[in-house]
Amino acid sequence: MHQHDRASMATIASLDELTRLMAARRGLYVRWSLGPQVDLTGTRSRDALTGVELPGLSANPLDVEDWWGDRSLRTWAARRLYDYSHLPRIRDGRVRPWLLHGREAARGPDNEPLVRDVQPLGWVAEEVITQAEEEIARQTGAWGPLDRR
């Protein structure tokens, strides 16, 4: 894929669809930004504190960790989305999540993966975030997103 915009990129329409993609392929990440059309045309992730350019795009990994065992992949996916769902509210209302495949090149200042060799796979629809919030609300000991304000 070379040119990416809201019209040309697929959309992941449900939490179940995202879960199926995660079950079929490792190396998936969610990035919250203006999208690959911006991110892959020279924009770099930067450390918010120092302004230092980072060697990849900061992204949230979706691969399940071994310690998760045989627990629900849907709940894992919901948590990975929910933890950063506050970003559009605190950064820019145009920020949206999108799914990508990539390779971790380094770790950022918050220990987040910095991803290179990015292959955009699709926008994550707002309904998926709503479904993730509902999934988390059903969990014992539900928590809020990782809002550092």
N, C-alpha and C. Protein backbone atom coordinates (compact mmCIF):
# COMPACT_ATOMS: atom_id res chain seq x y z
N MET A 1 0.84 -1.19 0.00
CA MET A 1 0.00 0.00 0.00
C MET A 1 0.88 1.24 0.00
N HIS A 2 0.55 2.16 -0.87
CA HIS A 2 1.36 3.38 -0.92
C HIS A 2 0.59 4.59 -0.43
N GLN A 3 -0.51 4.93 -1.05
CA GLN A 3 -1.32 6.06 -0.62
C GLN A 3 -2.38 5.58 0.35
N HIS A 4 -2.46 6.22 1.51
CA HIS A 4 -3.42 5.81 2.53
C HIS A 4 -4.25 7.01 2.95
N ASP A 5 -5.55 6.88 2.86
CA ASP A 5 -6.44 7.89 3.40
C ASP A 5 -7.69 7.18 3.91
N ARG A 6 -8.55 7.94 4.54
CA ARG A 6 -9.74 7.34 5.15
C ARG A 6 -10.59 6.59 4.13
N ALA A 7 -10.59 7.05 2.90
CA ALA A 7 -11.43 6.43 1.88
C ALA A 7 -10.84 5.12 1.36
N SER A 8 -9.51 5.01 1.29
CA SER A 8 -8.91 3.86 0.63
C SER A 8 -8.52 2.72 1.57
N MET A 9 -8.48 2.95 2.86
CA MET A 9 -8.05 1.91 3.77
C MET A 9 -9.27 1.19 4.34
N ALA A 10 -9.15 -0.12 4.49
CA ALA A 10 -10.23 -0.93 5.05
C ALA A 10 -10.54 -0.48 6.47
N THR A 11 -11.68 -0.90 6.99
CA THR A 11 -12.08 -0.59 8.36
C THR A 11 -12.39 -1.88 9.09
N ILE A 12 -11.80 -2.04 10.27
CA ILE A 12 -12.14 -3.16 11.15
C ILE A 12 -13.40 -2.72 11.88
N ALA A 13 -14.51 -3.45 11.68
CA ALA A 13 -15.83 -2.97 12.10
C ALA A 13 -16.31 -3.52 13.43
N SER A 14 -15.63 -4.55 13.98
CA SER A 14 -16.09 -5.12 15.24
C SER A 14 -14.92 -5.66 16.04
N LEU A 15 -15.14 -5.77 17.34
CA LEU A 15 -14.13 -6.35 18.21
C LEU A 15 -13.88 -7.81 17.84
N ASP A 16 -14.92 -8.51 17.42
CA ASP A 16 -14.74 -9.91 16.98
C ASP A 16 -13.88 -10.00 15.73
N GLU A 17 -14.05 -9.07 14.79
CA GLU A 17 -13.21 -9.05 13.59
C GLU A 17 -11.75 -8.81 13.96
N LEU A 18 -11.51 -7.87 14.86
CA LEU A 18 -10.14 -7.61 15.31
C LEU A 18 -9.55 -8.84 15.98
N THR A 19 -10.35 -9.50 16.80
CA THR A 19 -9.89 -10.71 17.49
C THR A 19 -9.51 -11.79 16.49
N ARG A 20 -10.30 -11.96 15.44
CA ARG A 20 -9.97 -12.96 14.40
C ARG A 20 -8.64 -12.62 13.72
N LEU A 21 -8.41 -11.34 13.44
CA LEU A 21 -7.14 -10.93 12.82
C LEU A 21 -5.96 -11.22 13.75
N MET A 22 -6.15 -10.97 15.04
CA MET A 22 -5.09 -11.23 16.02
C MET A 22 -4.80 -12.72 16.14
N ALA A 23 -5.82 -13.55 16.04
CA ALA A 23 -5.64 -15.00 16.15
C ALA A 23 -4.87 -15.54 14.94
N ALA A 24 -4.98 -14.86 13.80
CA ALA A 24 -4.40 -15.36 12.57
C ALA A 24 -2.97 -14.87 12.32
N ARG A 25 -2.54 -13.81 13.01
CA ARG A 25 -1.25 -13.19 12.66
C ARG A 25 -0.62 -12.51 13.86
N ARG A 26 0.66 -12.75 14.06
CA ARG A 26 1.40 -12.04 15.11
C ARG A 26 2.03 -10.78 14.51
N GLY A 27 2.50 -9.89 15.38
CA GLY A 27 3.14 -8.67 14.91
C GLY A 27 2.17 -7.56 14.58
N LEU A 28 0.95 -7.63 15.15
CA LEU A 28 -0.03 -6.58 14.93
C LEU A 28 0.06 -5.54 16.04
N TYR A 29 -0.20 -4.31 15.67
CA TYR A 29 -0.16 -3.17 16.59
C TYR A 29 -1.32 -2.25 16.28
N VAL A 30 -1.70 -1.46 17.28
CA VAL A 30 -2.64 -0.36 17.07
C VAL A 30 -1.88 0.93 17.31
N ARG A 31 -2.05 1.86 16.40
CA ARG A 31 -1.45 3.18 16.56
C ARG A 31 -2.58 4.20 16.59
N TRP A 32 -2.49 5.13 17.51
CA TRP A 32 -3.47 6.21 17.64
C TRP A 32 -2.84 7.46 17.06
N SER A 33 -3.33 7.89 15.90
CA SER A 33 -2.73 9.05 15.24
C SER A 33 -3.70 9.59 14.18
N LEU A 34 -3.21 10.48 13.33
CA LEU A 34 -4.00 10.99 12.22
C LEU A 34 -4.05 9.99 11.07
N GLY A 35 -3.27 8.92 11.16
CA GLY A 35 -3.33 7.84 10.17
C GLY A 35 -2.04 7.66 9.41
N PRO A 36 -1.97 6.56 8.67
CA PRO A 36 -0.74 6.25 7.95
C PRO A 36 -0.42 7.25 6.85
N GLN A 37 -1.42 7.92 6.30
CA GLN A 37 -1.14 8.91 5.27
C GLN A 37 -0.27 10.04 5.82
N VAL A 38 -0.36 10.31 7.10
CA VAL A 38 0.49 11.31 7.76
C VAL A 38 1.76 10.65 8.30
N ASP A 39 1.58 9.53 9.00
CA ASP A 39 2.70 8.89 9.69
C ASP A 39 3.77 8.34 8.76
N LEU A 40 3.39 7.92 7.57
CA LEU A 40 4.36 7.27 6.68
C LEU A 40 4.89 8.20 5.61
N THR A 41 4.65 9.49 5.76
CA THR A 41 5.17 10.47 4.79
C THR A 41 6.10 11.45 5.49
N GLY A 42 6.93 10.93 6.37
CA GLY A 42 7.97 11.76 6.97
C GLY A 42 7.75 12.14 8.42
N THR A 43 6.52 12.04 8.92
CA THR A 43 6.28 12.35 10.32
C THR A 43 6.91 11.28 11.19
N ARG A 44 7.56 11.67 12.24
CA ARG A 44 8.19 10.72 13.15
C ARG A 44 7.58 10.86 14.54
N SER A 45 7.58 9.77 15.27
CA SER A 45 7.17 9.86 16.67
C SER A 45 8.27 10.60 17.42
N ARG A 46 7.85 11.41 18.38
CA ARG A 46 8.80 12.18 19.20
C ARG A 46 8.47 11.98 20.66
N ASP A 47 9.49 12.06 21.48
CA ASP A 47 9.31 12.04 22.93
C ASP A 47 8.64 13.36 23.32
N ALA A 48 7.48 13.28 23.96
CA ALA A 48 6.72 14.49 24.30
C ALA A 48 7.49 15.38 25.28
N LEU A 49 8.31 14.81 26.13
CA LEU A 49 9.03 15.59 27.13
C LEU A 49 10.21 16.35 26.52
N THR A 50 11.04 15.67 25.71
CA THR A 50 12.28 16.27 25.22
C THR A 50 12.24 16.66 23.75
N GLY A 51 11.28 16.13 23.00
CA GLY A 51 11.22 16.41 21.57
C GLY A 51 12.14 15.53 20.74
N VAL A 52 12.84 14.60 21.36
CA VAL A 52 13.77 13.73 20.64
C VAL A 52 13.00 12.86 19.65
N GLU A 53 13.51 12.79 18.40
CA GLU A 53 12.90 11.94 17.39
C GLU A 53 13.17 10.48 17.73
N LEU A 54 12.14 9.65 17.62
CA LEU A 54 12.25 8.24 17.96
C LEU A 54 12.45 7.40 16.70
N PRO A 55 13.13 6.24 16.83
CA PRO A 55 13.47 5.43 15.65
C PRO A 55 12.36 4.50 15.17
N GLY A 56 11.14 4.95 15.23
CA GLY A 56 9.99 4.17 14.78
C GLY A 56 8.72 4.84 15.25
N LEU A 57 7.58 4.30 14.83
CA LEU A 57 6.29 4.83 15.25
C LEU A 57 5.87 4.17 16.55
N SER A 58 5.49 4.97 17.54
CA SER A 58 5.02 4.38 18.79
C SER A 58 3.67 3.72 18.52
N ALA A 59 3.52 2.51 19.05
CA ALA A 59 2.30 1.74 18.79
C ALA A 59 2.05 0.80 19.96
N ASN A 60 0.82 0.32 20.04
CA ASN A 60 0.39 -0.55 21.12
C ASN A 60 0.35 -1.99 20.59
N PRO A 61 1.14 -2.91 21.18
CA PRO A 61 1.17 -4.28 20.66
C PRO A 61 -0.11 -5.04 20.97
N LEU A 62 -0.51 -5.90 20.03
CA LEU A 62 -1.70 -6.72 20.22
C LEU A 62 -1.37 -8.19 20.48
N ASP A 63 -0.13 -8.61 20.25
CA ASP A 63 0.23 -10.00 20.49
C ASP A 63 -0.03 -10.37 21.95
N VAL A 64 -0.63 -11.53 22.14
CA VAL A 64 -0.95 -12.02 23.48
C VAL A 64 0.33 -12.53 24.15
N GLU A 65 0.50 -12.18 25.40
CA GLU A 65 1.64 -12.66 26.18
C GLU A 65 1.34 -14.06 26.72
N ASP A 66 2.39 -14.87 26.89
CA ASP A 66 2.23 -16.24 27.37
C ASP A 66 1.49 -16.31 28.70
N TRP A 67 1.72 -15.33 29.58
CA TRP A 67 1.10 -15.38 30.90
C TRP A 67 -0.42 -15.25 30.84
N TRP A 68 -0.97 -14.79 29.71
CA TRP A 68 -2.42 -14.67 29.55
C TRP A 68 -3.08 -16.04 29.49
N GLY A 69 -2.29 -17.05 29.12
CA GLY A 69 -2.80 -18.42 29.07
C GLY A 69 -3.91 -18.58 28.06
N ASP A 70 -4.97 -19.33 28.45
CA ASP A 70 -6.07 -19.60 27.52
C ASP A 70 -7.27 -18.68 27.78
N ARG A 71 -7.01 -17.53 28.41
CA ARG A 71 -8.09 -16.58 28.66
C ARG A 71 -8.58 -15.99 27.33
N SER A 72 -9.67 -15.26 27.39
CA SER A 72 -10.34 -14.72 26.21
C SER A 72 -9.46 -13.76 25.40
N LEU A 73 -9.27 -14.09 24.13
CA LEU A 73 -8.55 -13.20 23.22
C LEU A 73 -9.34 -11.91 23.01
N ARG A 74 -10.66 -12.01 23.04
CA ARG A 74 -11.52 -10.82 22.88
C ARG A 74 -11.29 -9.84 24.03
N THR A 75 -11.16 -10.35 25.25
CA THR A 75 -10.90 -9.48 26.39
C THR A 75 -9.52 -8.85 26.27
N TRP A 76 -8.53 -9.62 25.82
CA TRP A 76 -7.18 -9.08 25.61
C TRP A 76 -7.24 -7.93 24.60
N ALA A 77 -7.91 -8.15 23.48
CA ALA A 77 -8.02 -7.12 22.45
C ALA A 77 -8.72 -5.88 23.01
N ALA A 78 -9.78 -6.09 23.78
CA ALA A 78 -10.52 -4.97 24.37
C ALA A 78 -9.62 -4.15 25.28
N ARG A 79 -8.84 -4.83 26.09
CA ARG A 79 -7.96 -4.11 27.01
C ARG A 79 -6.91 -3.30 26.26
N ARG A 80 -6.33 -3.89 25.22
CA ARG A 80 -5.29 -3.18 24.47
C ARG A 80 -5.85 -1.91 23.82
N LEU A 81 -7.10 -1.95 23.39
CA LEU A 81 -7.72 -0.75 22.82
C LEU A 81 -8.12 0.23 23.91
N TYR A 82 -8.74 -0.28 24.94
CA TYR A 82 -9.30 0.56 26.00
C TYR A 82 -8.22 1.38 26.72
N ASP A 83 -7.07 0.78 26.93
CA ASP A 83 -6.01 1.45 27.69
C ASP A 83 -5.62 2.81 27.10
N TYR A 84 -5.76 2.97 25.79
CA TYR A 84 -5.34 4.22 25.15
C TYR A 84 -6.51 4.97 24.50
N SER A 85 -7.72 4.61 24.84
CA SER A 85 -8.89 5.22 24.20
C SER A 85 -9.08 6.68 24.58
N HIS A 86 -8.34 7.17 25.57
CA HIS A 86 -8.44 8.57 25.96
C HIS A 86 -7.67 9.51 25.02
N LEU A 87 -6.81 8.97 24.17
CA LEU A 87 -5.91 9.82 23.37
C LEU A 87 -6.64 10.84 22.48
N PRO A 88 -7.73 10.48 21.79
CA PRO A 88 -8.40 11.51 20.99
C PRO A 88 -8.91 12.68 21.84
N ARG A 89 -9.30 12.41 23.07
CA ARG A 89 -9.83 13.47 23.94
C ARG A 89 -8.73 14.41 24.42
N ILE A 90 -7.53 13.88 24.65
CA ILE A 90 -6.49 14.73 25.23
C ILE A 90 -5.49 15.28 24.21
N ARG A 91 -5.39 14.65 23.05
CA ARG A 91 -4.42 15.09 22.04
C ARG A 91 -5.05 15.93 20.95
N ASP A 92 -5.96 15.30 20.21
CA ASP A 92 -6.53 15.92 19.02
C ASP A 92 -7.76 15.08 18.66
N GLY A 93 -8.89 15.70 18.50
CA GLY A 93 -10.11 14.98 18.19
C GLY A 93 -10.07 14.22 16.88
N ARG A 94 -9.08 14.52 16.03
CA ARG A 94 -8.94 13.82 14.75
C ARG A 94 -8.15 12.53 14.88
N VAL A 95 -7.51 12.30 16.04
CA VAL A 95 -6.73 11.09 16.28
C VAL A 95 -7.65 9.88 16.29
N ARG A 96 -7.29 8.84 15.54
CA ARG A 96 -8.07 7.61 15.43
C ARG A 96 -7.12 6.41 15.51
N PRO A 97 -7.64 5.28 15.98
CA PRO A 97 -6.81 4.08 16.01
C PRO A 97 -6.79 3.40 14.63
N TRP A 98 -5.64 2.87 14.27
CA TRP A 98 -5.54 2.07 13.06
C TRP A 98 -4.63 0.88 13.31
N LEU A 99 -4.93 -0.19 12.63
CA LEU A 99 -4.23 -1.46 12.79
C LEU A 99 -3.08 -1.53 11.80
N LEU A 100 -1.96 -2.04 12.27
CA LEU A 100 -0.81 -2.19 11.40
C LEU A 100 -0.05 -3.46 11.75
N HIS A 101 0.73 -3.92 10.79
CA HIS A 101 1.70 -4.98 11.02
C HIS A 101 3.05 -4.32 10.92
N GLY A 102 3.96 -4.70 11.81
CA GLY A 102 5.28 -4.10 11.77
C GLY A 102 6.28 -4.88 12.58
N ARG A 103 7.47 -4.31 12.68
CA ARG A 103 8.58 -4.92 13.39
C ARG A 103 9.06 -3.95 14.47
N GLU A 104 9.15 -4.44 15.69
CA GLU A 104 9.63 -3.59 16.77
C GLU A 104 11.12 -3.31 16.58
N ALA A 105 11.47 -2.02 16.52
CA ALA A 105 12.86 -1.61 16.31
C ALA A 105 13.53 -1.19 17.61
N ALA A 106 12.74 -0.68 18.56
CA ALA A 106 13.28 -0.18 19.82
C ALA A 106 12.11 0.04 20.77
N ARG A 107 12.43 0.57 21.94
CA ARG A 107 11.41 0.94 22.93
C ARG A 107 11.49 2.44 23.18
N GLY A 108 10.33 3.05 23.37
CA GLY A 108 10.27 4.48 23.63
C GLY A 108 10.40 4.80 25.10
N PRO A 109 10.27 6.08 25.45
CA PRO A 109 10.46 6.53 26.83
C PRO A 109 9.43 5.99 27.81
N ASP A 110 8.26 5.56 27.33
CA ASP A 110 7.25 4.93 28.20
C ASP A 110 7.28 3.41 28.04
N ASN A 111 8.40 2.90 27.52
CA ASN A 111 8.61 1.47 27.27
C ASN A 111 7.67 0.93 26.18
N GLU A 112 7.10 1.83 25.36
CA GLU A 112 6.22 1.40 24.27
C GLU A 112 7.06 0.95 23.08
N PRO A 113 6.56 -0.02 22.31
CA PRO A 113 7.27 -0.43 21.10
C PRO A 113 7.35 0.72 20.10
N LEU A 114 8.49 0.81 19.45
CA LEU A 114 8.68 1.73 18.34
C LEU A 114 8.80 0.84 17.10
N VAL A 115 7.86 0.99 16.17
CA VAL A 115 7.67 0.03 15.10
C VAL A 115 8.16 0.59 13.76
N ARG A 116 8.83 -0.28 13.00
CA ARG A 116 9.28 0.05 11.64
C ARG A 116 8.70 -0.98 10.68
N ASP A 117 9.00 -0.83 9.39
CA ASP A 117 8.49 -1.72 8.35
C ASP A 117 6.96 -1.85 8.47
N VAL A 118 6.32 -0.71 8.57
CA VAL A 118 4.89 -0.63 8.85
C VAL A 118 4.05 -0.96 7.61
N GLN A 119 3.10 -1.87 7.80
CA GLN A 119 2.10 -2.20 6.78
C GLN A 119 0.73 -1.86 7.35
N PRO A 120 0.11 -0.76 6.91
CA PRO A 120 -1.23 -0.42 7.40
C PRO A 120 -2.24 -1.48 6.97
N LEU A 121 -3.12 -1.86 7.90
CA LEU A 121 -4.12 -2.90 7.61
C LEU A 121 -5.55 -2.37 7.65
N GLY A 122 -5.81 -1.34 8.43
CA GLY A 122 -7.16 -0.80 8.45
C GLY A 122 -7.42 0.11 9.64
N TRP A 123 -8.42 0.98 9.46
CA TRP A 123 -8.90 1.81 10.56
C TRP A 123 -9.65 0.94 11.55
N VAL A 124 -9.61 1.30 12.82
CA VAL A 124 -10.42 0.63 13.83
C VAL A 124 -11.63 1.53 14.06
N ALA A 125 -12.81 1.01 13.74
CA ALA A 125 -14.04 1.80 13.82
C ALA A 125 -14.35 2.20 15.26
N GLU A 126 -15.04 3.32 15.40
CA GLU A 126 -15.46 3.80 16.73
C GLU A 126 -16.29 2.74 17.45
N GLU A 127 -17.08 1.98 16.72
CA GLU A 127 -17.90 0.93 17.32
C GLU A 127 -17.03 -0.13 18.01
N VAL A 128 -15.84 -0.37 17.48
CA VAL A 128 -14.93 -1.34 18.11
C VAL A 128 -14.49 -0.82 19.48
N ILE A 129 -14.25 0.47 19.58
CA ILE A 129 -13.87 1.07 20.86
C ILE A 129 -15.03 0.96 21.84
N THR A 130 -16.24 1.23 21.36
CA THR A 130 -17.43 1.08 22.21
C THR A 130 -17.56 -0.36 22.70
N GLN A 131 -17.37 -1.33 21.81
CA GLN A 131 -17.43 -2.74 22.20
C GLN A 131 -16.33 -3.09 23.20
N ALA A 132 -15.14 -2.51 23.02
CA ALA A 132 -14.05 -2.73 23.97
C ALA A 132 -14.41 -2.18 25.34
N GLU A 133 -14.99 -0.98 25.38
CA GLU A 133 -15.41 -0.39 26.66
C GLU A 133 -16.44 -1.26 27.34
N GLU A 134 -17.37 -1.80 26.57
CA GLU A 134 -18.40 -2.67 27.14
C GLU A 134 -17.79 -3.97 27.68
N GLU A 135 -16.83 -4.53 26.95
CA GLU A 135 -16.14 -5.75 27.39
C GLU A 135 -15.39 -5.51 28.70
N ILE A 136 -14.72 -4.38 28.80
CA ILE A 136 -13.96 -4.06 30.02
C ILE A 136 -14.92 -3.82 31.18
N ALA A 137 -16.03 -3.15 30.94
CA ALA A 137 -17.00 -2.87 32.00
C ALA A 137 -17.56 -4.15 32.62
N ARG A 138 -17.57 -5.23 31.84
CA ARG A 138 -18.07 -6.52 32.34
C ARG A 138 -17.05 -7.25 33.22
N GLN A 139 -15.81 -6.80 33.25
CA GLN A 139 -14.76 -7.49 33.99
C GLN A 139 -14.81 -7.13 35.47
N THR A 140 -14.46 -8.08 36.31
CA THR A 140 -14.32 -7.81 37.74
C THR A 140 -13.12 -6.90 37.92
N GLY A 141 -13.30 -5.82 38.67
CA GLY A 141 -12.18 -4.89 38.90
C GLY A 141 -11.87 -4.01 37.71
N ALA A 142 -12.89 -3.63 36.95
CA ALA A 142 -12.67 -2.77 35.77
C ALA A 142 -11.96 -1.48 36.18
N TRP A 143 -11.18 -0.93 35.28
CA TRP A 143 -10.36 0.24 35.53
C TRP A 143 -10.60 1.27 34.43
N GLY A 144 -9.95 2.40 34.55
CA GLY A 144 -10.05 3.43 33.52
C GLY A 144 -8.88 3.36 32.56
N PRO A 145 -8.92 4.14 31.46
CA PRO A 145 -7.80 4.16 30.52
C PRO A 145 -6.55 4.77 31.16
N LEU A 146 -5.40 4.58 30.49
CA LEU A 146 -4.12 5.04 31.03
C LEU A 146 -3.92 6.52 30.73
N ASP A 147 -4.76 7.35 31.26
CA ASP A 147 -4.73 8.80 31.05
C ASP A 147 -3.75 9.40 32.04
N ARG A 148 -2.65 9.97 31.53
CA ARG A 148 -1.58 10.47 32.40
C ARG A 148 -1.74 11.96 32.75
N ARG A 149 -2.91 12.54 32.49
CA ARG A 149 -3.08 13.97 32.81
C ARG A 149 -3.01 14.21 34.29
